[in-house]
Amino acid sequence: MAEILNQAAAKDSRVTALEKIVARGDPTRGRTAFVSGAGACISCHRVGSTGGMMGPDLSPIGRIRSARDLIEAIAFPSATIAPGI
C-alpha cells in the first residue's frame, strides 16, 4: 500500500513540475511535434484530418479537459482512460 501511495505522490509531483513547463508552451510547436510523429501519438490519435483512427480524435480535447489532465495523459498515457472521447 505504501508503494502505491509513493507512486501516486511521485506522479502528482511530476505532473506539477510539468505544469510549470507547459505554461511556457507554444501550441504551434506542439502541433508540429504531433504531426511529425515525435511522440508517436499520431499513429493512434488524430487532430482534424491528420493522424490515426485507433484512438480518439483529439481535436476538441483542449476545450473539454484541463491543462493538468492533458499533461497527465501525455506523461502517463496509461494512467486513465476517458470514456466517450
PDB file of N, CA and C in Angstrom:
ATOM      1  N   MET A   1       0.818  -1.197   0.000  1.00  0.00           N
ATOM      2  CA  MET A   1       0.000   0.000   0.000  1.00  0.00           C
ATOM      3  C   MET A   1       0.859   1.257   0.000  1.00  0.00           C
ATOM      4  N   ALA A   2       1.921   1.244   0.790  1.00  0.00           N
ATOM      5  CA  ALA A   2       2.809   2.409   0.864  1.00  0.00           C
ATOM      6  C   ALA A   2       3.462   2.677  -0.490  1.00  0.00           C
ATOM      7  N   GLU A   3       3.810   1.616  -1.202  1.00  0.00           N
ATOM      8  CA  GLU A   3       4.434   1.793  -2.519  1.00  0.00           C
ATOM      9  C   GLU A   3       3.466   2.452  -3.500  1.00  0.00           C
ATOM     10  N   ILE A   4       2.211   2.056  -3.451  1.00  0.00           N
ATOM     11  CA  ILE A   4       1.200   2.662  -4.336  1.00  0.00           C
ATOM     12  C   ILE A   4       1.040   4.139  -4.011  1.00  0.00           C
ATOM     13  N   LEU A   5       1.004   4.465  -2.724  1.00  0.00           N
ATOM     14  CA  LEU A   5       0.892   5.876  -2.314  1.00  0.00           C
ATOM     15  C   LEU A   5       2.116   6.672  -2.738  1.00  0.00           C
ATOM     16  N   ASN A   6       3.296   6.067  -2.629  1.00  0.00           N
ATOM     17  CA  ASN A   6       4.529   6.738  -3.057  1.00  0.00           C
ATOM     18  C   ASN A   6       4.536   6.977  -4.561  1.00  0.00           C
ATOM     19  N   GLN A   7       4.055   5.999  -5.321  1.00  0.00           N
ATOM     20  CA  GLN A   7       3.996   6.160  -6.772  1.00  0.00           C
ATOM     21  C   GLN A   7       3.012   7.261  -7.160  1.00  0.00           C
ATOM     22  N   ALA A   8       1.878   7.303  -6.483  1.00  0.00           N
ATOM     23  CA  ALA A   8       0.881   8.347  -6.754  1.00  0.00           C
ATOM     24  C   ALA A   8       1.434   9.720  -6.419  1.00  0.00           C
ATOM     25  N   ALA A   9       2.156   9.831  -5.319  1.00  0.00           N
ATOM     26  CA  ALA A   9       2.755  11.113  -4.934  1.00  0.00           C
ATOM     27  C   ALA A   9       3.825  11.528  -5.932  1.00  0.00           C
ATOM     28  N   ALA A  10       4.623  10.578  -6.393  1.00  0.00           N
ATOM     29  CA  ALA A  10       5.673  10.882  -7.371  1.00  0.00           C
ATOM     30  C   ALA A  10       5.051  11.338  -8.690  1.00  0.00           C
ATOM     31  N   LYS A  11       3.981  10.677  -9.101  1.00  0.00           N
ATOM     32  CA  LYS A  11       3.288  11.070 -10.330  1.00  0.00           C
ATOM     33  C   LYS A  11       2.714  12.478 -10.194  1.00  0.00           C
ATOM     34  N   ASP A  12       2.069  12.741  -9.084  1.00  0.00           N
ATOM     35  CA  ASP A  12       1.499  14.063  -8.841  1.00  0.00           C
ATOM     36  C   ASP A  12       2.575  15.136  -8.852  1.00  0.00           C
ATOM     37  N   SER A  13       3.712  14.842  -8.245  1.00  0.00           N
ATOM     38  CA  SER A  13       4.826  15.790  -8.220  1.00  0.00           C
ATOM     39  C   SER A  13       5.345  16.060  -9.630  1.00  0.00           C
ATOM     40  N   ARG A  14       5.461  15.013 -10.430  1.00  0.00           N
ATOM     41  CA  ARG A  14       5.941  15.156 -11.804  1.00  0.00           C
ATOM     42  C   ARG A  14       4.971  15.991 -12.644  1.00  0.00           C
ATOM     43  N   VAL A  15       3.674  15.741 -12.490  1.00  0.00           N
ATOM     44  CA  VAL A  15       2.666  16.499 -13.234  1.00  0.00           C
ATOM     45  C   VAL A  15       2.719  17.971 -12.826  1.00  0.00           C
ATOM     46  N   THR A  16       2.889  18.239 -11.539  1.00  0.00           N
ATOM     47  CA  THR A  16       3.003  19.625 -11.054  1.00  0.00           C
ATOM     48  C   THR A  16       4.222  20.308 -11.668  1.00  0.00           C
ATOM     49  N   ALA A  17       5.338  19.605 -11.728  1.00  0.00           N
ATOM     50  CA  ALA A  17       6.549  20.173 -12.339  1.00  0.00           C
ATOM     51  C   ALA A  17       6.330  20.444 -13.826  1.00  0.00           C
ATOM     52  N   LEU A  18       5.658  19.529 -14.506  1.00  0.00           N
ATOM     53  CA  LEU A  18       5.399  19.706 -15.936  1.00  0.00           C
ATOM     54  C   LEU A  18       4.436  20.860 -16.197  1.00  0.00           C
ATOM     55  N   GLU A  19       3.519  21.123 -15.277  1.00  0.00           N
ATOM     56  CA  GLU A  19       2.596  22.256 -15.438  1.00  0.00           C
ATOM     57  C   GLU A  19       3.358  23.566 -15.594  1.00  0.00           C
ATOM     58  N   LYS A  20       4.435  23.718 -14.855  1.00  0.00           N
ATOM     59  CA  LYS A  20       5.246  24.942 -14.937  1.00  0.00           C
ATOM     60  C   LYS A  20       5.908  25.075 -16.307  1.00  0.00           C
ATOM     61  N   ILE A  21       6.342  23.954 -16.846  1.00  0.00           N
ATOM     62  CA  ILE A  21       6.982  23.957 -18.168  1.00  0.00           C
ATOM     63  C   ILE A  21       5.946  24.246 -19.251  1.00  0.00           C
ATOM     64  N   VAL A  22       4.786  23.606 -19.154  1.00  0.00           N
ATOM     65  CA  VAL A  22       3.735  23.755 -20.154  1.00  0.00           C
ATOM     66  C   VAL A  22       3.214  25.192 -20.208  1.00  0.00           C
ATOM     67  N   ALA A  23       3.256  25.878 -19.104  1.00  0.00           N
ATOM     68  CA  ALA A  23       2.790  27.274 -19.070  1.00  0.00           C
ATOM     69  C   ALA A  23       3.554  28.132 -20.076  1.00  0.00           C
ATOM     70  N   ARG A  24       4.756  27.717 -20.412  1.00  0.00           N
ATOM     71  CA  ARG A  24       5.576  28.454 -21.391  1.00  0.00           C
ATOM     72  C   ARG A  24       5.474  27.825 -22.790  1.00  0.00           C
ATOM     73  N   GLY A  25       4.536  26.902 -22.962  1.00  0.00           N
ATOM     74  CA  GLY A  25       4.425  26.147 -24.212  1.00  0.00           C
ATOM     75  C   GLY A  25       3.991  26.974 -25.401  1.00  0.00           C
ATOM     76  N   ASP A  26       4.199  26.416 -26.560  1.00  0.00           N
ATOM     77  CA  ASP A  26       3.856  27.041 -27.829  1.00  0.00           C
ATOM     78  C   ASP A  26       2.980  26.062 -28.614  1.00  0.00           C
ATOM     79  N   PRO A  27       1.685  26.359 -28.756  1.00  0.00           N
ATOM     80  CA  PRO A  27       0.783  25.438 -29.452  1.00  0.00           C
ATOM     81  C   PRO A  27       1.236  25.081 -30.865  1.00  0.00           C
ATOM     82  N   THR A  28       1.851  26.017 -31.558  1.00  0.00           N
ATOM     83  CA  THR A  28       2.321  25.747 -32.924  1.00  0.00           C
ATOM     84  C   THR A  28       3.423  24.690 -32.903  1.00  0.00           C
ATOM     85  N   ARG A  29       4.340  24.804 -31.974  1.00  0.00           N
ATOM     86  CA  ARG A  29       5.406  23.798 -31.851  1.00  0.00           C
ATOM     87  C   ARG A  29       4.821  22.447 -31.431  1.00  0.00           C
ATOM     88  N   GLY A  30       3.798  22.477 -30.574  1.00  0.00           N
ATOM     89  CA  GLY A  30       3.153  21.233 -30.159  1.00  0.00           C
ATOM     90  C   GLY A  30       2.497  20.520 -31.322  1.00  0.00           C
ATOM     91  N   ARG A  31       1.826  21.294 -32.164  1.00  0.00           N
ATOM     92  CA  ARG A  31       1.191  20.707 -33.347  1.00  0.00           C
ATOM     93  C   ARG A  31       2.242  20.137 -34.291  1.00  0.00           C
ATOM     94  N   THR A  32       3.344  20.855 -34.455  1.00  0.00           N
ATOM     95  CA  THR A  32       4.435  20.372 -35.298  1.00  0.00           C
ATOM     96  C   THR A  32       4.988  19.060 -34.755  1.00  0.00           C
ATOM     97  N   ALA A  33       5.152  18.973 -33.429  1.00  0.00           N
ATOM     98  CA  ALA A  33       5.650  17.735 -32.817  1.00  0.00           C
ATOM     99  C   ALA A  33       4.662  16.597 -33.041  1.00  0.00           C
ATOM    100  N   PHE A  34       3.369  16.877 -32.888  1.00  0.00           N
ATOM    101  CA  PHE A  34       2.340  15.850 -33.109  1.00  0.00           C
ATOM    102  C   PHE A  34       2.386  15.348 -34.549  1.00  0.00           C
ATOM    103  N   VAL A  35       2.349  16.274 -35.488  1.00  0.00           N
ATOM    104  CA  VAL A  35       2.304  15.916 -36.913  1.00  0.00           C
ATOM    105  C   VAL A  35       3.572  15.183 -37.354  1.00  0.00           C
ATOM    106  N   SER A  36       4.715  15.535 -36.759  1.00  0.00           N
ATOM    107  CA  SER A  36       5.973  14.887 -37.144  1.00  0.00           C
ATOM    108  C   SER A  36       6.101  13.479 -36.586  1.00  0.00           C
ATOM    109  N   GLY A  37       5.221  13.126 -35.649  1.00  0.00           N
ATOM    110  CA  GLY A  37       5.300  11.804 -35.043  1.00  0.00           C
ATOM    111  C   GLY A  37       6.324  11.716 -33.932  1.00  0.00           C
ATOM    112  N   ALA A  38       6.746  12.854 -33.405  1.00  0.00           N
ATOM    113  CA  ALA A  38       7.782  12.894 -32.372  1.00  0.00           C
ATOM    114  C   ALA A  38       7.439  12.023 -31.166  1.00  0.00           C
ATOM    115  N   GLY A  39       6.197  11.972 -30.782  1.00  0.00           N
ATOM    116  CA  GLY A  39       5.808  11.172 -29.625  1.00  0.00           C
ATOM    117  C   GLY A  39       5.020   9.940 -29.985  1.00  0.00           C
ATOM    118  N   ALA A  40       4.859   9.646 -31.229  1.00  0.00           N
ATOM    119  CA  ALA A  40       4.094   8.502 -31.746  1.00  0.00           C
ATOM    120  C   ALA A  40       2.594   8.615 -31.484  1.00  0.00           C
ATOM    121  N   CYS A  41       2.121   9.722 -30.935  1.00  0.00           N
ATOM    122  CA  CYS A  41       0.684   9.913 -30.669  1.00  0.00           C
ATOM    123  C   CYS A  41      -0.120   9.843 -31.964  1.00  0.00           C
ATOM    124  N   ILE A  42       0.448  10.389 -33.030  1.00  0.00           N
ATOM    125  CA  ILE A  42      -0.252  10.477 -34.317  1.00  0.00           C
ATOM    126  C   ILE A  42      -0.582   9.101 -34.892  1.00  0.00           C
ATOM    127  N   SER A  43       0.130   8.077 -34.459  1.00  0.00           N
ATOM    128  CA  SER A  43      -0.148   6.750 -35.013  1.00  0.00           C
ATOM    129  C   SER A  43      -1.515   6.224 -34.578  1.00  0.00           C
ATOM    130  N   CYS A  44      -2.024   6.692 -33.438  1.00  0.00           N
ATOM    131  CA  CYS A  44      -3.346   6.246 -32.966  1.00  0.00           C
ATOM    132  C   CYS A  44      -4.376   7.373 -32.926  1.00  0.00           C
ATOM    133  N   HIS A  45      -3.934   8.576 -32.593  1.00  0.00           N
ATOM    134  CA  HIS A  45      -4.841   9.710 -32.419  1.00  0.00           C
ATOM    135  C   HIS A  45      -4.805  10.625 -33.630  1.00  0.00           C
ATOM    136  N   ARG A  46      -5.845  11.423 -33.763  1.00  0.00           N
ATOM    137  CA  ARG A  46      -5.889  12.380 -34.866  1.00  0.00           C
ATOM    138  C   ARG A  46      -6.308  13.754 -34.336  1.00  0.00           C
ATOM    139  N   VAL A  47      -5.908  14.753 -35.080  1.00  0.00           N
ATOM    140  CA  VAL A  47      -6.352  16.133 -34.866  1.00  0.00           C
ATOM    141  C   VAL A  47      -6.829  16.601 -36.234  1.00  0.00           C
ATOM    142  N   GLY A  48      -8.099  16.937 -36.315  1.00  0.00           N
ATOM    143  CA  GLY A  48      -8.672  17.265 -37.620  1.00  0.00           C
ATOM    144  C   GLY A  48      -8.635  16.037 -38.501  1.00  0.00           C
ATOM    145  N   SER A  49      -8.043  16.166 -39.661  1.00  0.00           N
ATOM    146  CA  SER A  49      -7.964  15.036 -40.586  1.00  0.00           C
ATOM    147  C   SER A  49      -6.589  14.376 -40.573  1.00  0.00           C
ATOM    148  N   THR A  50      -5.735  14.754 -39.607  1.00  0.00           N
ATOM    149  CA  THR A  50      -4.381  14.230 -39.552  1.00  0.00           C
ATOM    150  C   THR A  50      -4.246  13.216 -38.424  1.00  0.00           C
ATOM    151  N   GLY A  51      -3.762  12.032 -38.735  1.00  0.00           N
ATOM    152  CA  GLY A  51      -3.475  11.050 -37.709  1.00  0.00           C
ATOM    153  C   GLY A  51      -4.234   9.759 -37.863  1.00  0.00           C
ATOM    154  N   GLY A  52      -4.057   8.892 -36.866  1.00  0.00           N
ATOM    155  CA  GLY A  52      -4.647   7.566 -36.881  1.00  0.00           C
ATOM    156  C   GLY A  52      -6.100   7.554 -36.449  1.00  0.00           C
ATOM    157  N   MET A  53      -6.709   6.402 -36.585  1.00  0.00           N
ATOM    158  CA  MET A  53      -8.129   6.255 -36.277  1.00  0.00           C
ATOM    159  C   MET A  53      -8.366   5.321 -35.082  1.00  0.00           C
ATOM    160  N   MET A  54      -7.321   4.741 -34.517  1.00  0.00           N
ATOM    161  CA  MET A  54      -7.494   3.785 -33.431  1.00  0.00           C
ATOM    162  C   MET A  54      -7.909   4.488 -32.126  1.00  0.00           C
ATOM    163  N   GLY A  55      -7.257   5.585 -31.813  1.00  0.00           N
ATOM    164  CA  GLY A  55      -7.565   6.328 -30.594  1.00  0.00           C
ATOM    165  C   GLY A  55      -8.562   7.431 -30.877  1.00  0.00           C
ATOM    166  N   PRO A  56      -8.996   8.109 -29.818  1.00  0.00           N
ATOM    167  CA  PRO A  56      -9.980   9.178 -30.001  1.00  0.00           C
ATOM    168  C   PRO A  56      -9.416  10.388 -30.746  1.00  0.00           C
ATOM    169  N   ASP A  57     -10.296  11.116 -31.384  1.00  0.00           N
ATOM    170  CA  ASP A  57      -9.970  12.368 -32.055  1.00  0.00           C
ATOM    171  C   ASP A  57      -9.649  13.402 -30.975  1.00  0.00           C
ATOM    172  N   LEU A  58      -8.476  13.987 -31.044  1.00  0.00           N
ATOM    173  CA  LEU A  58      -8.043  14.951 -30.030  1.00  0.00           C
ATOM    174  C   LEU A  58      -8.371  16.396 -30.394  1.00  0.00           C
ATOM    175  N   SER A  59      -9.069  16.606 -31.493  1.00  0.00           N
ATOM    176  CA  SER A  59      -9.385  17.975 -31.923  1.00  0.00           C
ATOM    177  C   SER A  59     -10.051  18.808 -30.831  1.00  0.00           C
ATOM    178  N   PRO A  60     -11.052  18.283 -30.114  1.00  0.00           N
ATOM    179  CA  PRO A  60     -11.728  19.112 -29.106  1.00  0.00           C
ATOM    180  C   PRO A  60     -11.119  19.016 -27.709  1.00  0.00           C
ATOM    181  N   ILE A  61     -10.018  18.321 -27.539  1.00  0.00           N
ATOM    182  CA  ILE A  61      -9.527  17.967 -26.210  1.00  0.00           C
ATOM    183  C   ILE A  61      -9.214  19.177 -25.323  1.00  0.00           C
ATOM    184  N   GLY A  62      -8.699  20.247 -25.899  1.00  0.00           N
ATOM    185  CA  GLY A  62      -8.383  21.435 -25.105  1.00  0.00           C
ATOM    186  C   GLY A  62      -9.606  22.139 -24.558  1.00  0.00           C
ATOM    187  N   ARG A  63     -10.744  21.893 -25.164  1.00  0.00           N
ATOM    188  CA  ARG A  63     -11.995  22.502 -24.694  1.00  0.00           C
ATOM    189  C   ARG A  63     -12.691  21.670 -23.627  1.00  0.00           C
ATOM    190  N   ILE A  64     -12.366  20.378 -23.551  1.00  0.00           N
ATOM    191  CA  ILE A  64     -13.095  19.514 -22.631  1.00  0.00           C
ATOM    192  C   ILE A  64     -12.241  18.964 -21.490  1.00  0.00           C
ATOM    193  N   ARG A  65     -10.944  19.203 -21.523  1.00  0.00           N
ATOM    194  CA  ARG A  65     -10.046  18.729 -20.466  1.00  0.00           C
ATOM    195  C   ARG A  65      -9.178  19.887 -19.967  1.00  0.00           C
ATOM    196  N   SER A  66      -8.829  19.825 -18.702  1.00  0.00           N
ATOM    197  CA  SER A  66      -7.960  20.852 -18.113  1.00  0.00           C
ATOM    198  C   SER A  66      -6.522  20.626 -18.567  1.00  0.00           C
ATOM    199  N   ALA A  67      -5.706  21.658 -18.404  1.00  0.00           N
ATOM    200  CA  ALA A  67      -4.285  21.539 -18.755  1.00  0.00           C
ATOM    201  C   ALA A  67      -3.639  20.420 -17.941  1.00  0.00           C
ATOM    202  N   ARG A  68      -3.977  20.328 -16.671  1.00  0.00           N
ATOM    203  CA  ARG A  68      -3.403  19.271 -15.820  1.00  0.00           C
ATOM    204  C   ARG A  68      -3.799  17.884 -16.343  1.00  0.00           C
ATOM    205  N   ASP A  69      -5.054  17.717 -16.738  1.00  0.00           N
ATOM    206  CA  ASP A  69      -5.498  16.442 -17.301  1.00  0.00           C
ATOM    207  C   ASP A  69      -4.691  16.086 -18.554  1.00  0.00           C
ATOM    208  N   LEU A  70      -4.457  17.079 -19.400  1.00  0.00           N
ATOM    209  CA  LEU A  70      -3.715  16.836 -20.642  1.00  0.00           C
ATOM    210  C   LEU A  70      -2.268  16.458 -20.352  1.00  0.00           C
ATOM    211  N   ILE A  71      -1.662  17.158 -19.397  1.00  0.00           N
ATOM    212  CA  ILE A  71      -0.276  16.847 -19.030  1.00  0.00           C
ATOM    213  C   ILE A  71      -0.177  15.417 -18.522  1.00  0.00           C
ATOM    214  N   GLU A  72      -1.102  15.046 -17.643  1.00  0.00           N
ATOM    215  CA  GLU A  72      -1.088  13.684 -17.107  1.00  0.00           C
ATOM    216  C   GLU A  72      -1.284  12.656 -18.212  1.00  0.00           C
ATOM    217  N   ALA A  73      -2.187  12.926 -19.136  1.00  0.00           N
ATOM    218  CA  ALA A  73      -2.453  11.988 -20.228  1.00  0.00           C
ATOM    219  C   ALA A  73      -1.248  11.802 -21.141  1.00  0.00           C
ATOM    220  N   ILE A  74      -0.469  12.861 -21.321  1.00  0.00           N
ATOM    221  CA  ILE A  74       0.719  12.765 -22.178  1.00  0.00           C
ATOM    222  C   ILE A  74       1.875  12.107 -21.434  1.00  0.00           C
ATOM    223  N   ALA A  75       2.101  12.523 -20.191  1.00  0.00           N
ATOM    224  CA  ALA A  75       3.227  11.995 -19.415  1.00  0.00           C
ATOM    225  C   ALA A  75       2.977  10.559 -18.930  1.00  0.00           C
ATOM    226  N   PHE A  76       1.717  10.244 -18.646  1.00  0.00           N
ATOM    227  CA  PHE A  76       1.347   8.924 -18.127  1.00  0.00           C
ATOM    228  C   PHE A  76       0.141   8.411 -18.917  1.00  0.00           C
ATOM    229  N   PRO A  77       0.336   8.061 -20.181  1.00  0.00           N
ATOM    230  CA  PRO A  77      -0.788   7.755 -21.065  1.00  0.00           C
ATOM    231  C   PRO A  77      -1.667   6.585 -20.639  1.00  0.00           C
ATOM    232  N   SER A  78      -1.157   5.679 -19.865  1.00  0.00           N
ATOM    233  CA  SER A  78      -1.955   4.523 -19.444  1.00  0.00           C
ATOM    234  C   SER A  78      -2.608   4.718 -18.079  1.00  0.00           C
ATOM    235  N   ALA A  79      -2.413   5.874 -17.464  1.00  0.00           N
ATOM    236  CA  ALA A  79      -2.922   6.100 -16.111  1.00  0.00           C
ATOM    237  C   ALA A  79      -4.444   6.128 -16.060  1.00  0.00           C
ATOM    238  N   THR A  80      -5.066   6.778 -17.021  1.00  0.00           N
ATOM    239  CA  THR A  80      -6.520   6.854 -17.046  1.00  0.00           C
ATOM    240  C   THR A  80      -7.006   6.779 -18.490  1.00  0.00           C
ATOM    241  N   ILE A  81      -8.197   6.265 -18.629  1.00  0.00           N
ATOM    242  CA  ILE A  81      -8.862   6.222 -19.933  1.00  0.00           C
ATOM    243  C   ILE A  81     -10.155   7.020 -19.765  1.00  0.00           C
ATOM    244  N   ALA A  82     -10.333   8.030 -20.589  1.00  0.00           N
ATOM    245  CA  ALA A  82     -11.538   8.855 -20.506  1.00  0.00           C
ATOM    246  C   ALA A  82     -12.599   8.262 -21.431  1.00  0.00           C
ATOM    247  N   PRO A  83     -13.700   7.769 -20.876  1.00  0.00           N
ATOM    248  CA  PRO A  83     -14.741   7.171 -21.719  1.00  0.00           C
ATOM    249  C   PRO A  83     -15.450   8.232 -22.555  1.00  0.00           C
ATOM    250  N   GLY A  84     -15.864   7.824 -23.733  1.00  0.00           N
ATOM    251  CA  GLY A  84     -16.660   8.708 -24.583  1.00  0.00           C
ATOM    252  C   GLY A  84     -15.874   9.744 -25.348  1.00  0.00           C
ATOM    253  N   ILE A  85     -14.571   9.631 -25.391  1.00  0.00           N
ATOM    254  CA  ILE A  85     -13.779  10.604 -26.151  1.00  0.00           C
ATOM    255  C   ILE A  85     -13.214   9.940 -27.373  1.00  0.00           C
TER     256      ILE A  85
END
